[in-house]
């Protein structure tokens, strides 16, 4: 059980790290298409532990990232 929780925590940390690194490293002259895939669907829950369900956690993270991207004005996006 603890191993699954550690995997969920690791996954969250990787996603958050990616959110910090990727926006600063994108170099594009055109629109960038960002695809968010929280994984797991239907009855596939992923890891469960510590009161957390991976499927629900990754969905919340993807939804929040989409909200942030949608409300970020185009002229304020990092295009270095």
PDB file of N, CA and C in Angstrom:
ATOM      1  N   UNK A   1       0.832  -1.194   0.000  1.00  0.00           N
ATOM      2  CA  UNK A   1       0.000   0.000   0.000  1.00  0.00           C
ATOM      3  C   UNK A   1       0.874   1.253   0.000  1.00  0.00           C
ATOM      4  N   UNK A   2       1.924   1.254   0.819  1.00  0.00           N
ATOM      5  CA  UNK A   2       2.804   2.414   0.904  1.00  0.00           C
ATOM      6  C   UNK A   2       3.539   2.639  -0.418  1.00  0.00           C
ATOM      7  N   UNK A   3       3.884   1.562  -1.108  1.00  0.00           N
ATOM      8  CA  UNK A   3       4.564   1.668  -2.393  1.00  0.00           C
ATOM      9  C   UNK A   3       3.679   2.379  -3.413  1.00  0.00           C
ATOM     10  N   UNK A   4       2.388   2.054  -3.427  1.00  0.00           N
ATOM     11  CA  UNK A   4       1.469   2.707  -4.364  1.00  0.00           C
ATOM     12  C   UNK A   4       1.352   4.194  -4.052  1.00  0.00           C
ATOM     13  N   UNK A   5       1.286   4.537  -2.785  1.00  0.00           N
ATOM     14  CA  UNK A   5       1.211   5.943  -2.392  1.00  0.00           C
ATOM     15  C   UNK A   5       2.473   6.672  -2.821  1.00  0.00           C
ATOM     16  N   UNK A   6       3.621   6.044  -2.660  1.00  0.00           N
ATOM     17  CA  UNK A   6       4.882   6.645  -3.092  1.00  0.00           C
ATOM     18  C   UNK A   6       4.886   6.878  -4.595  1.00  0.00           C
ATOM     19  N   UNK A   7       4.307   5.943  -5.360  1.00  0.00           N
ATOM     20  CA  UNK A   7       4.222   6.111  -6.812  1.00  0.00           C
ATOM     21  C   UNK A   7       3.329   7.292  -7.170  1.00  0.00           C
ATOM     22  N   UNK A   8       2.227   7.458  -6.467  1.00  0.00           N
ATOM     23  CA  UNK A   8       1.318   8.582  -6.721  1.00  0.00           C
ATOM     24  C   UNK A   8       2.031   9.892  -6.401  1.00  0.00           C
ATOM     25  N   UNK A   9       2.707   9.941  -5.268  1.00  0.00           N
ATOM     26  CA  UNK A   9       3.432  11.152  -4.885  1.00  0.00           C
ATOM     27  C   UNK A   9       4.517  11.450  -5.911  1.00  0.00           C
ATOM     28  N   UNK A  10       5.236  10.441  -6.352  1.00  0.00           N
ATOM     29  CA  UNK A  10       6.274  10.621  -7.368  1.00  0.00           C
ATOM     30  C   UNK A  10       5.668  11.160  -8.657  1.00  0.00           C
ATOM     31  N   UNK A  11       4.538  10.605  -9.087  1.00  0.00           N
ATOM     32  CA  UNK A  11       3.869  11.051 -10.305  1.00  0.00           C
ATOM     33  C   UNK A  11       3.481  12.526 -10.197  1.00  0.00           C
ATOM     34  N   UNK A  12       2.932  12.914  -9.067  1.00  0.00           N
ATOM     35  CA  UNK A  12       2.536  14.312  -8.860  1.00  0.00           C
ATOM     36  C   UNK A  12       3.757  15.223  -8.926  1.00  0.00           C
ATOM     37  N   UNK A  13       4.850  14.815  -8.302  1.00  0.00           N
ATOM     38  CA  UNK A  13       6.062  15.626  -8.322  1.00  0.00           C
ATOM     39  C   UNK A  13       6.624  15.757  -9.734  1.00  0.00           C
ATOM     40  N   UNK A  14       6.590  14.689 -10.507  1.00  0.00           N
ATOM     41  CA  UNK A  14       7.068  14.742 -11.894  1.00  0.00           C
ATOM     42  C   UNK A  14       6.215  15.706 -12.709  1.00  0.00           C
ATOM     43  N   UNK A  15       4.907  15.635 -12.530  1.00  0.00           N
ATOM     44  CA  UNK A  15       4.010  16.531 -13.266  1.00  0.00           C
ATOM     45  C   UNK A  15       4.273  17.983 -12.880  1.00  0.00           C
ATOM     46  N   UNK A  16       4.386  18.248 -11.595  1.00  0.00           N
ATOM     47  CA  UNK A  16       4.628  19.619 -11.150  1.00  0.00           C
ATOM     48  C   UNK A  16       5.980  20.137 -11.633  1.00  0.00           C
ATOM     49  N   UNK A  17       6.987  19.294 -11.619  1.00  0.00           N
ATOM     50  CA  UNK A  17       8.295  19.680 -12.131  1.00  0.00           C
ATOM     51  C   UNK A  17       8.201  19.995 -13.615  1.00  0.00           C
ATOM     52  N   UNK A  18       7.482  19.167 -14.344  1.00  0.00           N
ATOM     53  CA  UNK A  18       7.285  19.410 -15.771  1.00  0.00           C
ATOM     54  C   UNK A  18       6.601  20.732 -16.033  1.00  0.00           C
ATOM     55  N   UNK A  19       5.643  21.090 -15.201  1.00  0.00           N
ATOM     56  CA  UNK A  19       4.937  22.366 -15.366  1.00  0.00           C
ATOM     57  C   UNK A  19       5.871  23.546 -15.132  1.00  0.00           C
ATOM     58  N   UNK A  20       6.882  23.358 -14.301  1.00  0.00           N
ATOM     59  CA  UNK A  20       7.835  24.437 -14.042  1.00  0.00           C
ATOM     60  C   UNK A  20       8.872  24.556 -15.153  1.00  0.00           C
ATOM     61  N   UNK A  21       9.263  23.450 -15.729  1.00  0.00           N
ATOM     62  CA  UNK A  21      10.338  23.434 -16.728  1.00  0.00           C
ATOM     63  C   UNK A  21       9.822  23.718 -18.135  1.00  0.00           C
ATOM     64  N   UNK A  22       8.772  23.062 -18.541  1.00  0.00           N
ATOM     65  CA  UNK A  22       8.302  23.126 -19.928  1.00  0.00           C
ATOM     66  C   UNK A  22       7.966  24.543 -20.385  1.00  0.00           C
ATOM     67  N   UNK A  23       7.191  25.329 -19.623  1.00  0.00           N
ATOM     68  CA  UNK A  23       6.864  26.665 -20.131  1.00  0.00           C
ATOM     69  C   UNK A  23       8.098  27.529 -20.389  1.00  0.00           C
ATOM     70  N   UNK A  24       9.178  27.301 -19.671  1.00  0.00           N
ATOM     71  CA  UNK A  24      10.384  28.095 -19.854  1.00  0.00           C
ATOM     72  C   UNK A  24      11.271  27.598 -20.983  1.00  0.00           C
ATOM     73  N   UNK A  25      11.005  26.418 -21.495  1.00  0.00           N
ATOM     74  CA  UNK A  25      11.872  25.870 -22.530  1.00  0.00           C
ATOM     75  C   UNK A  25      11.213  25.822 -23.901  1.00  0.00           C
ATOM     76  N   UNK A  26       9.948  26.199 -23.992  1.00  0.00           N
ATOM     77  CA  UNK A  26       9.270  26.168 -25.285  1.00  0.00           C
ATOM     78  C   UNK A  26       9.739  27.348 -26.116  1.00  0.00           C
ATOM     79  N   UNK A  27      10.156  27.077 -27.331  1.00  0.00           N
ATOM     80  CA  UNK A  27      10.567  28.120 -28.256  1.00  0.00           C
ATOM     81  C   UNK A  27       9.795  27.915 -29.539  1.00  0.00           C
ATOM     82  N   UNK A  28       8.766  28.735 -29.756  1.00  0.00           N
ATOM     83  CA  UNK A  28       7.913  28.539 -30.920  1.00  0.00           C
ATOM     84  C   UNK A  28       7.491  29.876 -31.489  1.00  0.00           C
ATOM     85  N   UNK A  29       7.419  29.931 -32.792  1.00  0.00           N
ATOM     86  CA  UNK A  29       6.920  31.122 -33.460  1.00  0.00           C
ATOM     87  C   UNK A  29       5.445  30.979 -33.783  1.00  0.00           C
ATOM     88  N   UNK A  30       4.922  29.793 -33.674  1.00  0.00           N
ATOM     89  CA  UNK A  30       3.522  29.514 -33.963  1.00  0.00           C
ATOM     90  C   UNK A  30       2.817  29.078 -32.695  1.00  0.00           C
ATOM     91  N   UNK A  31       1.518  28.860 -32.817  1.00  0.00           N
ATOM     92  CA  UNK A  31       0.773  28.360 -31.671  1.00  0.00           C
ATOM     93  C   UNK A  31       1.317  27.002 -31.238  1.00  0.00           C
ATOM     94  N   UNK A  32       1.331  26.799 -29.955  1.00  0.00           N
ATOM     95  CA  UNK A  32       1.760  25.526 -29.393  1.00  0.00           C
ATOM     96  C   UNK A  32       0.522  24.772 -28.947  1.00  0.00           C
ATOM     97  N   UNK A  33       0.433  23.526 -29.334  1.00  0.00           N
ATOM     98  CA  UNK A  33      -0.688  22.693 -28.917  1.00  0.00           C
ATOM     99  C   UNK A  33      -0.215  21.855 -27.735  1.00  0.00           C
ATOM    100  N   UNK A  34      -0.926  21.980 -26.640  1.00  0.00           N
ATOM    101  CA  UNK A  34      -0.590  21.219 -25.437  1.00  0.00           C
ATOM    102  C   UNK A  34      -1.674  20.179 -25.228  1.00  0.00           C
ATOM    103  N   UNK A  35      -1.260  18.947 -25.119  1.00  0.00           N
ATOM    104  CA  UNK A  35      -2.191  17.848 -24.940  1.00  0.00           C
ATOM    105  C   UNK A  35      -2.045  17.321 -23.519  1.00  0.00           C
ATOM    106  N   UNK A  36      -3.131  17.312 -22.786  1.00  0.00           N
ATOM    107  CA  UNK A  36      -3.107  16.824 -21.405  1.00  0.00           C
ATOM    108  C   UNK A  36      -3.776  15.456 -21.359  1.00  0.00           C
ATOM    109  N   UNK A  37      -3.069  14.468 -20.860  1.00  0.00           N
ATOM    110  CA  UNK A  37      -3.608  13.116 -20.760  1.00  0.00           C
ATOM    111  C   UNK A  37      -3.448  12.629 -19.330  1.00  0.00           C
ATOM    112  N   UNK A  38      -4.516  12.753 -18.535  1.00  0.00           N
ATOM    113  CA  UNK A  38      -4.411  12.319 -17.149  1.00  0.00           C
ATOM    114  C   UNK A  38      -4.352  10.802 -16.989  1.00  0.00           C
ATOM    115  N   UNK A  39      -4.502  10.059 -18.057  1.00  0.00           N
ATOM    116  CA  UNK A  39      -4.418   8.604 -17.985  1.00  0.00           C
ATOM    117  C   UNK A  39      -5.631   7.981 -17.332  1.00  0.00           C
ATOM    118  N   UNK A  40      -5.582   6.704 -17.133  1.00  0.00           N
ATOM    119  CA  UNK A  40      -6.642   5.923 -16.500  1.00  0.00           C
ATOM    120  C   UNK A  40      -8.054   6.406 -16.836  1.00  0.00           C
ATOM    121  N   UNK A  41      -8.874   5.489 -17.242  1.00  0.00           N
ATOM    122  CA  UNK A  41     -10.260   5.820 -17.539  1.00  0.00           C
ATOM    123  C   UNK A  41     -11.157   4.660 -17.164  1.00  0.00           C
ATOM    124  N   UNK A  42     -12.432   4.910 -17.170  1.00  0.00           N
ATOM    125  CA  UNK A  42     -13.381   3.845 -16.841  1.00  0.00           C
ATOM    126  C   UNK A  42     -13.158   3.307 -15.448  1.00  0.00           C
ATOM    127  N   UNK A  43     -13.023   2.009 -15.366  1.00  0.00           N
ATOM    128  CA  UNK A  43     -12.866   1.379 -14.049  1.00  0.00           C
ATOM    129  C   UNK A  43     -11.402   1.278 -13.613  1.00  0.00           C
ATOM    130  N   UNK A  44     -10.457   1.667 -14.462  1.00  0.00           N
ATOM    131  CA  UNK A  44      -9.030   1.606 -14.130  1.00  0.00           C
ATOM    132  C   UNK A  44      -8.669   2.776 -13.229  1.00  0.00           C
ATOM    133  N   UNK A  45      -8.372   2.505 -11.971  1.00  0.00           N
ATOM    134  CA  UNK A  45      -8.144   3.573 -10.987  1.00  0.00           C
ATOM    135  C   UNK A  45      -6.695   4.006 -10.859  1.00  0.00           C
ATOM    136  N   UNK A  46      -5.770   3.155 -11.268  1.00  0.00           N
ATOM    137  CA  UNK A  46      -4.367   3.441 -10.993  1.00  0.00           C
ATOM    138  C   UNK A  46      -4.083   3.156  -9.532  1.00  0.00           C
ATOM    139  N   UNK A  47      -3.051   3.773  -8.997  1.00  0.00           N
ATOM    140  CA  UNK A  47      -2.655   3.527  -7.603  1.00  0.00           C
ATOM    141  C   UNK A  47      -3.678   4.122  -6.637  1.00  0.00           C
ATOM    142  N   UNK A  48      -3.849   3.437  -5.516  1.00  0.00           N
ATOM    143  CA  UNK A  48      -4.736   3.908  -4.450  1.00  0.00           C
ATOM    144  C   UNK A  48      -3.961   3.812  -3.145  1.00  0.00           C
ATOM    145  N   UNK A  49      -3.981   4.893  -2.368  1.00  0.00           N
ATOM    146  CA  UNK A  49      -3.290   4.860  -1.086  1.00  0.00           C
ATOM    147  C   UNK A  49      -3.421   6.171  -0.351  1.00  0.00           C
ATOM    148  N   UNK A  50      -3.435   6.086   0.936  1.00  0.00           N
ATOM    149  CA  UNK A  50      -3.501   7.281   1.761  1.00  0.00           C
ATOM    150  C   UNK A  50      -4.737   8.129   1.501  1.00  0.00           C
ATOM    151  N   UNK A  51      -5.818   7.465   1.107  1.00  0.00           N
ATOM    152  CA  UNK A  51      -7.046   8.188   0.811  1.00  0.00           C
ATOM    153  C   UNK A  51      -7.053   8.842  -0.560  1.00  0.00           C
ATOM    154  N   UNK A  52      -6.017   8.573  -1.372  1.00  0.00           N
ATOM    155  CA  UNK A  52      -5.919   9.144  -2.717  1.00  0.00           C
ATOM    156  C   UNK A  52      -6.127   8.078  -3.776  1.00  0.00           C
ATOM    157  N   UNK A  53      -6.788   8.471  -4.862  1.00  0.00           N
ATOM    158  CA  UNK A  53      -6.962   7.600  -6.019  1.00  0.00           C
ATOM    159  C   UNK A  53      -6.268   8.296  -7.190  1.00  0.00           C
ATOM    160  N   UNK A  54      -5.271   7.630  -7.773  1.00  0.00           N
ATOM    161  CA  UNK A  54      -4.462   8.228  -8.837  1.00  0.00           C
ATOM    162  C   UNK A  54      -5.329   8.796  -9.952  1.00  0.00           C
ATOM    163  N   UNK A  55      -6.333   8.047 -10.381  1.00  0.00           N
ATOM    164  CA  UNK A  55      -7.219   8.477 -11.463  1.00  0.00           C
ATOM    165  C   UNK A  55      -7.847   9.841 -11.150  1.00  0.00           C
ATOM    166  N   UNK A  56      -8.328  10.023  -9.939  1.00  0.00           N
ATOM    167  CA  UNK A  56      -8.965  11.281  -9.550  1.00  0.00           C
ATOM    168  C   UNK A  56      -7.946  12.414  -9.415  1.00  0.00           C
ATOM    169  N   UNK A  57      -6.792  12.097  -8.871  1.00  0.00           N
ATOM    170  CA  UNK A  57      -5.748  13.095  -8.664  1.00  0.00           C
ATOM    171  C   UNK A  57      -5.213  13.621  -9.997  1.00  0.00           C
ATOM    172  N   UNK A  58      -4.905  12.721 -10.925  1.00  0.00           N
ATOM    173  CA  UNK A  58      -4.380  13.157 -12.216  1.00  0.00           C
ATOM    174  C   UNK A  58      -5.432  13.933 -13.004  1.00  0.00           C
ATOM    175  N   UNK A  59      -6.706  13.579 -12.854  1.00  0.00           N
ATOM    176  CA  UNK A  59      -7.775  14.323 -13.533  1.00  0.00           C
ATOM    177  C   UNK A  59      -7.839  15.758 -12.990  1.00  0.00           C
ATOM    178  N   UNK A  60      -7.747  15.907 -11.663  1.00  0.00           N
ATOM    179  CA  UNK A  60      -7.795  17.241 -11.062  1.00  0.00           C
ATOM    180  C   UNK A  60      -6.606  18.090 -11.513  1.00  0.00           C
ATOM    181  N   UNK A  61      -5.433  17.470 -11.585  1.00  0.00           N
ATOM    182  CA  UNK A  61      -4.233  18.197 -12.016  1.00  0.00           C
ATOM    183  C   UNK A  61      -4.393  18.644 -13.466  1.00  0.00           C
ATOM    184  N   UNK A  62      -4.818  17.740 -14.346  1.00  0.00           N
ATOM    185  CA  UNK A  62      -4.994  18.088 -15.765  1.00  0.00           C
ATOM    186  C   UNK A  62      -6.044  19.181 -15.938  1.00  0.00           C
ATOM    187  N   UNK A  63      -7.130  19.099 -15.184  1.00  0.00           N
ATOM    188  CA  UNK A  63      -8.184  20.108 -15.275  1.00  0.00           C
ATOM    189  C   UNK A  63      -7.673  21.473 -14.817  1.00  0.00           C
ATOM    190  N   UNK A  64      -6.914  21.501 -13.735  1.00  0.00           N
ATOM    191  CA  UNK A  64      -6.364  22.761 -13.222  1.00  0.00           C
ATOM    192  C   UNK A  64      -5.367  23.355 -14.207  1.00  0.00           C
ATOM    193  N   UNK A  65      -4.507  22.527 -14.793  1.00  0.00           N
ATOM    194  CA  UNK A  65      -3.538  23.013 -15.779  1.00  0.00           C
ATOM    195  C   UNK A  65      -4.274  23.607 -16.977  1.00  0.00           C
ATOM    196  N   UNK A  66      -5.336  22.943 -17.429  1.00  0.00           N
ATOM    197  CA  UNK A  66      -6.128  23.468 -18.554  1.00  0.00           C
ATOM    198  C   UNK A  66      -6.730  24.822 -18.211  1.00  0.00           C
ATOM    199  N   UNK A  67      -7.268  24.957 -17.009  1.00  0.00           N
ATOM    200  CA  UNK A  67      -7.848  26.240 -16.577  1.00  0.00           C
ATOM    201  C   UNK A  67      -6.789  27.349 -16.596  1.00  0.00           C
ATOM    202  N   UNK A  68      -5.605  27.040 -16.111  1.00  0.00           N
ATOM    203  CA  UNK A  68      -4.519  28.027 -16.086  1.00  0.00           C
ATOM    204  C   UNK A  68      -4.131  28.420 -17.504  1.00  0.00           C
ATOM    205  N   UNK A  69      -3.976  27.437 -18.377  1.00  0.00           N
ATOM    206  CA  UNK A  69      -3.608  27.722 -19.764  1.00  0.00           C
ATOM    207  C   UNK A  69      -4.692  28.520 -20.475  1.00  0.00           C
ATOM    208  N   UNK A  70      -5.946  28.169 -20.239  1.00  0.00           N
ATOM    209  CA  UNK A  70      -7.053  28.858 -20.905  1.00  0.00           C
ATOM    210  C   UNK A  70      -7.168  30.319 -20.491  1.00  0.00           C
ATOM    211  N   UNK A  71      -6.822  30.640 -19.262  1.00  0.00           N
ATOM    212  CA  UNK A  71      -6.978  32.019 -18.811  1.00  0.00           C
ATOM    213  C   UNK A  71      -5.707  32.852 -18.975  1.00  0.00           C
ATOM    214  N   UNK A  72      -4.635  32.238 -19.454  1.00  0.00           N
ATOM    215  CA  UNK A  72      -3.391  32.968 -19.677  1.00  0.00           C
ATOM    216  C   UNK A  72      -3.474  33.708 -21.004  1.00  0.00           C
ATOM    217  N   UNK A  73      -3.412  35.050 -20.969  1.00  0.00           N
ATOM    218  CA  UNK A  73      -3.481  35.805 -22.229  1.00  0.00           C
ATOM    219  C   UNK A  73      -2.335  35.411 -23.153  1.00  0.00           C
ATOM    220  N   UNK A  74      -2.636  35.363 -24.433  1.00  0.00           N
ATOM    221  CA  UNK A  74      -1.663  34.947 -25.432  1.00  0.00           C
ATOM    222  C   UNK A  74      -0.409  35.813 -25.395  1.00  0.00           C
ATOM    223  N   UNK A  75      -0.566  37.127 -25.182  1.00  0.00           N
ATOM    224  CA  UNK A  75       0.600  38.010 -25.197  1.00  0.00           C
ATOM    225  C   UNK A  75       1.451  37.884 -23.922  1.00  0.00           C
ATOM    226  N   UNK A  76       0.965  37.195 -22.903  1.00  0.00           N
ATOM    227  CA  UNK A  76       1.757  36.986 -21.686  1.00  0.00           C
ATOM    228  C   UNK A  76       2.416  35.623 -21.646  1.00  0.00           C
ATOM    229  N   UNK A  77       2.176  34.808 -22.642  1.00  0.00           N
ATOM    230  CA  UNK A  77       2.775  33.472 -22.658  1.00  0.00           C
ATOM    231  C   UNK A  77       4.238  33.574 -23.031  1.00  0.00           C
ATOM    232  N   UNK A  78       5.025  32.727 -22.420  1.00  0.00           N
ATOM    233  CA  UNK A  78       6.462  32.717 -22.664  1.00  0.00           C
ATOM    234  C   UNK A  78       6.745  32.139 -24.039  1.00  0.00           C
ATOM    235  N   UNK A  79       7.337  32.919 -24.938  1.00  0.00           N
ATOM    236  CA  UNK A  79       7.672  32.430 -26.279  1.00  0.00           C
ATOM    237  C   UNK A  79       9.146  32.677 -26.579  1.00  0.00           C
ATOM    238  N   UNK A  80       9.987  32.634 -25.554  1.00  0.00           N
ATOM    239  CA  UNK A  80      11.432  32.834 -25.737  1.00  0.00           C
ATOM    240  C   UNK A  80      12.023  31.711 -26.520  1.00  0.00           C
TER     241      UNK A  80
END
